[in-house]
Amino acid sequence: MKRMLINASQPEEVRVALVDGQRLFDLDIESTARQQKKSNIYKAKVARIEPSLEAAFLDYGAPRHGFLPFKEICRKLYKTKSQENKSNDRQSIKNMIEEGQELIVQVEKEERGNKGAALSAFISLAGRYLVLMPNSPKVEGVSRQIEGDDRIEARDVMNGLNIPEDTGLILRTAGVGKSNEELQWDLDYLSQLWGTIKNASKERSAPFLIYQESDVIIRAIRDYLKGDISEIWIDNPDTHKKCHEFMSQVMPHNLNKLQLYKESDP
């Protein structure tokens, strides 16, 4: 029997384990002291353009500016419409964006050493079954991990979805075998989330955090809770309540798997 065990009773860190009987086959640990920025979405301001690097440095609210390569800037953010149609290869970043310009960006890589975070204007929003890419209209497909007949079936289901204009979409492995209705529900949820992010970005000037990626517990439930996971045990009442609220919205049919662990043994 496969279970998800969530140890959230320790103040220093949270641990999420996937076990098959007594065999551990996956383990995620996240420190509670360090705030993760990866996949967070910010409204940022171009602080400096470096033509020699074909990149810009953005103030997104952190002490150290983030690094945005030219190739990570979508065409709709270029300064003029006439420039949108010109090839990236022939244009310099200094002609495409300008200092002080405000952009919605996502953290691709955390800060490391003396390097700032790597940023991208190609936003990706991961749902239960799909990944929505609102600035990547040419991206449409299925995860590379999906193979054979599953891949063919997945493409057929994807073709039946009502995808918003100028939006890319990728089917995750968890979406294999799901109905058109289930996938459309996930797509509508992600589309609504992107609309909320865009509206929030208009409320004030950069820099500020618009959207914070879920913590390790919510990500684990979102990404790893498949049909073969029979139980989820959580040893902290507050965390159990948070997971119950999340699952009630996104996957209510799995609520019967959620259990609060009250025993004295860890």
Protein backbone atom coordinates (compact mmCIF):
# COMPACT_ATOMS: atom_id res chain seq x y z
CA MET A 1 0.00 0.00 0.00
CA LYS A 2 1.40 3.37 -1.05
CA ARG A 3 1.06 6.30 1.34
CA MET A 4 2.08 9.94 1.51
CA LEU A 5 3.47 10.85 4.95
CA ILE A 6 3.71 14.54 5.86
CA ASN A 7 5.78 15.45 8.92
CA ALA A 8 4.94 19.10 9.67
CA SER A 9 5.25 19.10 13.46
CA GLN A 10 8.91 20.18 13.53
CA PRO A 11 9.64 23.95 13.60
CA GLU A 12 12.83 23.71 11.50
CA GLU A 13 11.64 21.81 8.42
CA VAL A 14 8.80 20.01 6.70
CA ARG A 15 9.24 16.49 5.31
CA VAL A 16 7.08 14.75 2.72
CA ALA A 17 7.73 11.04 2.17
CA LEU A 18 6.19 8.63 -0.31
CA VAL A 19 6.30 5.05 0.93
CA ASP A 20 5.27 1.68 -0.44
CA GLY A 21 4.75 -0.47 2.64
CA GLN A 22 8.04 -0.01 4.51
CA ARG A 23 9.99 1.11 1.43
CA LEU A 24 10.72 4.82 0.99
CA PHE A 25 10.70 5.79 -2.71
CA ASP A 26 10.59 9.60 -2.57
CA LEU A 27 11.48 12.25 0.01
CA ASP A 28 11.18 16.06 -0.11
CA ILE A 29 12.51 18.29 2.69
CA GLU A 30 11.96 22.04 2.87
CA SER A 31 13.41 24.38 5.49
CA THR A 32 10.88 26.62 7.19
CA ALA A 33 13.55 29.25 7.85
CA ARG A 34 14.37 29.90 4.20
CA GLN A 35 11.71 31.41 1.97
CA GLN A 36 11.67 29.82 -1.46
CA LYS A 37 11.39 32.10 -4.47
CA LYS A 38 11.48 29.58 -7.33
CA SER A 39 8.33 29.78 -9.50
CA ASN A 40 7.11 32.89 -7.67
CA ILE A 41 5.72 35.62 -9.94
CA TYR A 42 6.68 39.26 -9.46
CA LYS A 43 6.04 42.63 -10.99
CA ALA A 44 9.58 43.86 -11.63
CA LYS A 45 11.25 46.97 -13.01
CA VAL A 46 14.15 47.03 -15.47
CA ALA A 47 17.02 48.52 -13.46
CA ARG A 48 19.85 48.10 -15.96
CA ILE A 49 20.34 46.79 -19.49
CA GLU A 50 23.61 45.07 -20.41
CA PRO A 51 23.88 44.81 -24.24
CA SER A 52 27.18 42.90 -23.95
CA LEU A 53 25.35 40.15 -22.02
CA GLU A 54 22.14 40.47 -24.05
CA ALA A 55 20.34 40.60 -20.73
CA ALA A 56 18.78 42.97 -18.23
CA PHE A 57 18.94 43.25 -14.47
CA LEU A 58 15.55 43.65 -12.81
CA ASP A 59 14.51 44.95 -9.43
CA TYR A 60 11.85 42.50 -8.26
CA GLY A 61 11.98 43.33 -4.56
CA ALA A 62 14.95 41.22 -3.46
CA PRO A 63 18.21 42.75 -2.16
CA ARG A 64 20.01 41.49 -5.27
CA HIS A 65 18.63 42.22 -8.76
CA GLY A 66 17.41 39.34 -10.90
CA PHE A 67 18.93 38.38 -14.27
CA LEU A 68 16.66 38.36 -17.34
CA PRO A 69 18.23 37.07 -20.59
CA PHE A 70 16.93 38.46 -23.89
CA LYS A 71 15.70 35.02 -24.95
CA GLU A 72 13.42 34.95 -21.88
CA ILE A 73 11.52 38.08 -22.95
CA CYS A 74 8.32 37.42 -24.90
CA ARG A 75 7.64 39.55 -27.98
CA LYS A 76 4.49 41.16 -26.58
CA LEU A 77 6.73 43.03 -24.11
CA TYR A 78 8.84 44.71 -26.82
CA LYS A 79 8.62 48.50 -26.84
CA THR A 80 6.80 48.92 -30.18
CA LYS A 81 4.51 46.73 -32.23
CA SER A 82 6.67 47.13 -35.31
CA GLN A 83 9.57 45.55 -33.47
CA GLU A 84 7.52 42.48 -32.55
CA ASN A 85 7.80 41.17 -36.08
CA LYS A 86 11.56 41.44 -36.31
CA SER A 87 13.79 38.49 -35.61
CA ASN A 88 15.38 38.20 -32.14
CA ASP A 89 18.65 37.25 -33.85
CA ARG A 90 19.02 40.67 -35.50
CA GLN A 91 17.87 42.82 -32.60
CA SER A 92 19.64 43.96 -29.48
CA ILE A 93 17.96 43.91 -26.11
CA LYS A 94 18.58 47.64 -25.74
CA ASN A 95 16.19 48.26 -28.66
CA MET A 96 13.49 45.95 -27.32
CA ILE A 97 13.07 47.04 -23.71
CA GLU A 98 14.05 50.12 -21.71
CA GLU A 99 15.17 51.00 -18.22
CA GLY A 100 12.24 51.66 -15.91
CA GLN A 101 9.93 49.38 -17.91
CA GLU A 102 7.74 47.15 -15.71
CA LEU A 103 7.35 43.45 -16.50
CA ILE A 104 5.65 40.40 -15.01
CA VAL A 105 8.38 37.80 -14.46
CA GLN A 106 8.80 34.39 -12.84
CA VAL A 107 11.81 33.08 -10.92
CA GLU A 108 13.41 30.23 -12.89
CA LYS A 109 16.40 29.64 -10.59
CA GLU A 110 17.03 30.76 -7.03
CA GLU A 111 19.87 33.10 -6.08
CA ARG A 112 23.14 31.22 -5.76
CA GLY A 113 26.40 32.53 -4.39
CA ASN A 114 26.83 36.11 -5.57
CA LYS A 115 24.49 35.60 -8.53
CA GLY A 116 20.97 36.96 -8.53
CA ALA A 117 17.93 34.89 -9.36
CA ALA A 118 17.37 33.88 -13.01
CA LEU A 119 14.10 35.34 -14.29
CA SER A 120 11.80 34.68 -17.24
CA ALA A 121 8.86 36.55 -18.75
CA PHE A 122 7.53 33.22 -20.12
CA ILE A 123 5.19 32.40 -17.24
CA SER A 124 4.30 28.78 -16.39
CA LEU A 125 1.40 27.93 -14.08
CA ALA A 126 1.23 24.30 -12.99
CA GLY A 127 -2.12 22.76 -12.19
CA ARG A 128 -3.14 19.24 -11.25
CA TYR A 129 -3.04 17.92 -14.83
CA LEU A 130 -1.86 20.80 -17.00
CA VAL A 131 0.75 23.54 -17.25
CA LEU A 132 -0.60 26.85 -18.58
CA MET A 133 1.88 29.07 -20.47
CA PRO A 134 0.05 32.35 -21.16
CA ASN A 135 2.96 34.02 -23.00
CA SER A 136 3.86 30.99 -25.13
CA PRO A 137 1.04 30.52 -27.67
CA LYS A 138 3.06 28.17 -29.89
CA VAL A 139 3.62 25.66 -27.07
CA GLU A 140 1.09 22.84 -27.07
CA GLY A 141 1.79 19.23 -26.32
CA VAL A 142 2.23 16.50 -23.74
CA SER A 143 4.96 15.69 -21.25
CA ARG A 144 7.95 13.82 -22.68
CA GLN A 145 7.40 11.16 -20.03
CA ILE A 146 4.12 10.19 -21.69
CA GLU A 147 4.82 7.59 -24.38
CA GLY A 148 3.17 5.14 -26.77
CA ASP A 149 -0.61 4.84 -26.91
CA ASP A 150 -0.96 7.14 -23.92
CA ARG A 151 0.68 9.91 -25.94
CA ILE A 152 -1.71 9.45 -28.87
CA GLU A 153 -4.74 9.38 -26.57
CA ALA A 154 -3.48 12.43 -24.69
CA ARG A 155 -3.15 14.47 -27.89
CA ASP A 156 -6.72 13.55 -28.87
CA VAL A 157 -8.06 14.76 -25.53
CA MET A 158 -5.99 17.95 -25.72
CA ASN A 159 -7.48 18.74 -29.12
CA GLY A 160 -10.92 18.80 -27.52
CA LEU A 161 -10.07 21.47 -24.94
CA ASN A 162 -11.22 25.07 -25.16
CA ILE A 163 -7.80 26.76 -24.90
CA PRO A 164 -7.69 30.57 -24.54
CA GLU A 165 -6.20 32.51 -27.43
CA ASP A 166 -2.43 33.18 -27.33
CA THR A 167 -1.94 30.57 -24.62
CA GLY A 168 0.32 27.51 -24.54
CA LEU A 169 -0.60 24.29 -22.75
CA ILE A 170 1.23 21.10 -21.73
CA LEU A 171 -0.37 17.93 -20.36
CA ARG A 172 1.38 16.57 -17.27
CA THR A 173 1.81 12.85 -16.59
CA ALA A 174 -0.94 13.06 -13.93
CA GLY A 175 -3.35 13.98 -16.75
CA VAL A 176 -3.03 10.66 -18.57
CA GLY A 177 -6.39 8.90 -18.71
CA LYS A 178 -8.34 11.90 -17.44
CA SER A 179 -11.55 12.93 -19.14
CA ASN A 180 -12.04 16.05 -21.22
CA GLU A 181 -14.19 17.49 -18.42
CA GLU A 182 -11.48 16.99 -15.78
CA LEU A 183 -8.81 18.60 -17.96
CA GLN A 184 -11.09 21.49 -18.93
CA TRP A 185 -11.79 22.15 -15.24
CA ASP A 186 -8.05 22.36 -14.55
CA LEU A 187 -7.54 24.61 -17.58
CA ASP A 188 -10.35 26.96 -16.49
CA TYR A 189 -8.87 27.14 -12.99
CA LEU A 190 -5.41 28.06 -14.35
CA SER A 191 -6.88 30.60 -16.78
CA GLN A 192 -8.74 32.24 -13.91
CA LEU A 193 -5.54 32.27 -11.84
CA TRP A 194 -3.64 34.01 -14.65
CA GLY A 195 -6.42 36.59 -14.94
CA THR A 196 -6.14 37.26 -11.21
CA ILE A 197 -2.35 37.67 -11.52
CA LYS A 198 -2.70 40.16 -14.38
CA ASN A 199 -5.29 42.19 -12.51
CA ALA A 200 -3.17 42.21 -9.34
CA SER A 201 -0.18 43.47 -11.34
CA LYS A 202 -2.12 46.65 -12.19
CA GLU A 203 -2.79 47.57 -8.58
CA ARG A 204 0.58 49.21 -7.85
CA SER A 205 4.03 49.92 -9.22
CA ALA A 206 6.91 47.45 -9.27
CA PRO A 207 8.56 45.82 -7.50
CA PHE A 208 6.29 43.45 -5.57
CA LEU A 209 5.35 39.78 -5.22
CA ILE A 210 2.17 38.96 -7.13
CA TYR A 211 1.91 35.19 -6.72
CA GLN A 212 3.71 32.82 -4.38
CA GLU A 213 4.25 29.24 -5.44
CA SER A 214 2.77 26.61 -3.12
CA ASP A 215 4.91 25.13 -0.37
CA VAL A 216 6.36 21.61 -0.54
CA ILE A 217 3.24 20.04 1.00
CA ILE A 218 0.72 21.49 -1.46
CA ARG A 219 3.12 20.81 -4.37
CA ALA A 220 3.46 17.17 -3.28
CA ILE A 221 -0.30 16.66 -3.12
CA ARG A 222 -0.79 18.47 -6.44
CA ASP A 223 1.99 16.59 -8.26
CA TYR A 224 2.20 13.13 -6.67
CA LEU A 225 -1.29 12.23 -5.48
CA LYS A 226 -2.29 9.64 -8.05
CA GLY A 227 -4.66 6.71 -7.96
CA ASP A 228 -2.04 4.39 -6.46
CA ILE A 229 -1.64 6.57 -3.33
CA SER A 230 -4.23 5.19 -0.91
CA GLU A 231 -3.65 7.42 2.15
CA ILE A 232 -2.20 10.79 3.17
CA TRP A 233 -1.14 11.06 6.81
CA ILE A 234 -0.38 14.48 8.35
CA ASP A 235 0.86 14.96 11.91
CA ASN A 236 -0.06 18.65 12.32
CA PRO A 237 -3.70 19.87 12.70
CA ASP A 238 -3.09 23.28 11.05
CA THR A 239 -1.36 21.67 8.06
CA HIS A 240 -4.13 19.08 7.84
CA LYS A 241 -6.70 21.89 7.71
CA LYS A 242 -4.73 23.73 4.97
CA CYS A 243 -4.50 20.55 2.87
CA HIS A 244 -8.19 19.84 3.41
CA GLU A 245 -9.07 23.31 2.07
CA PHE A 246 -6.78 22.88 -0.95
CA MET A 247 -8.09 19.40 -1.80
CA SER A 248 -11.71 20.51 -1.36
CA GLN A 249 -11.20 23.02 -4.17
CA VAL A 250 -8.95 21.05 -6.52
CA MET A 251 -9.56 17.33 -5.91
CA PRO A 252 -12.56 16.75 -3.60
CA HIS A 253 -12.85 13.13 -4.72
CA ASN A 254 -9.58 12.39 -2.88
CA LEU A 255 -10.57 13.87 0.49
CA ASN A 256 -11.31 10.42 1.91
CA LYS A 257 -7.55 9.68 1.69
CA LEU A 258 -6.62 12.57 3.99
CA GLN A 259 -5.96 11.53 7.60
CA LEU A 260 -4.73 13.38 10.72
CA TYR A 261 -2.05 11.38 12.52
CA LYS A 262 -2.50 11.55 16.33
CA GLU A 263 -0.27 8.72 17.59
CA SER A 264 2.63 9.33 19.98
CA ASP A 265 5.24 7.65 17.74
CA PRO A 266 6.73 10.01 15.10
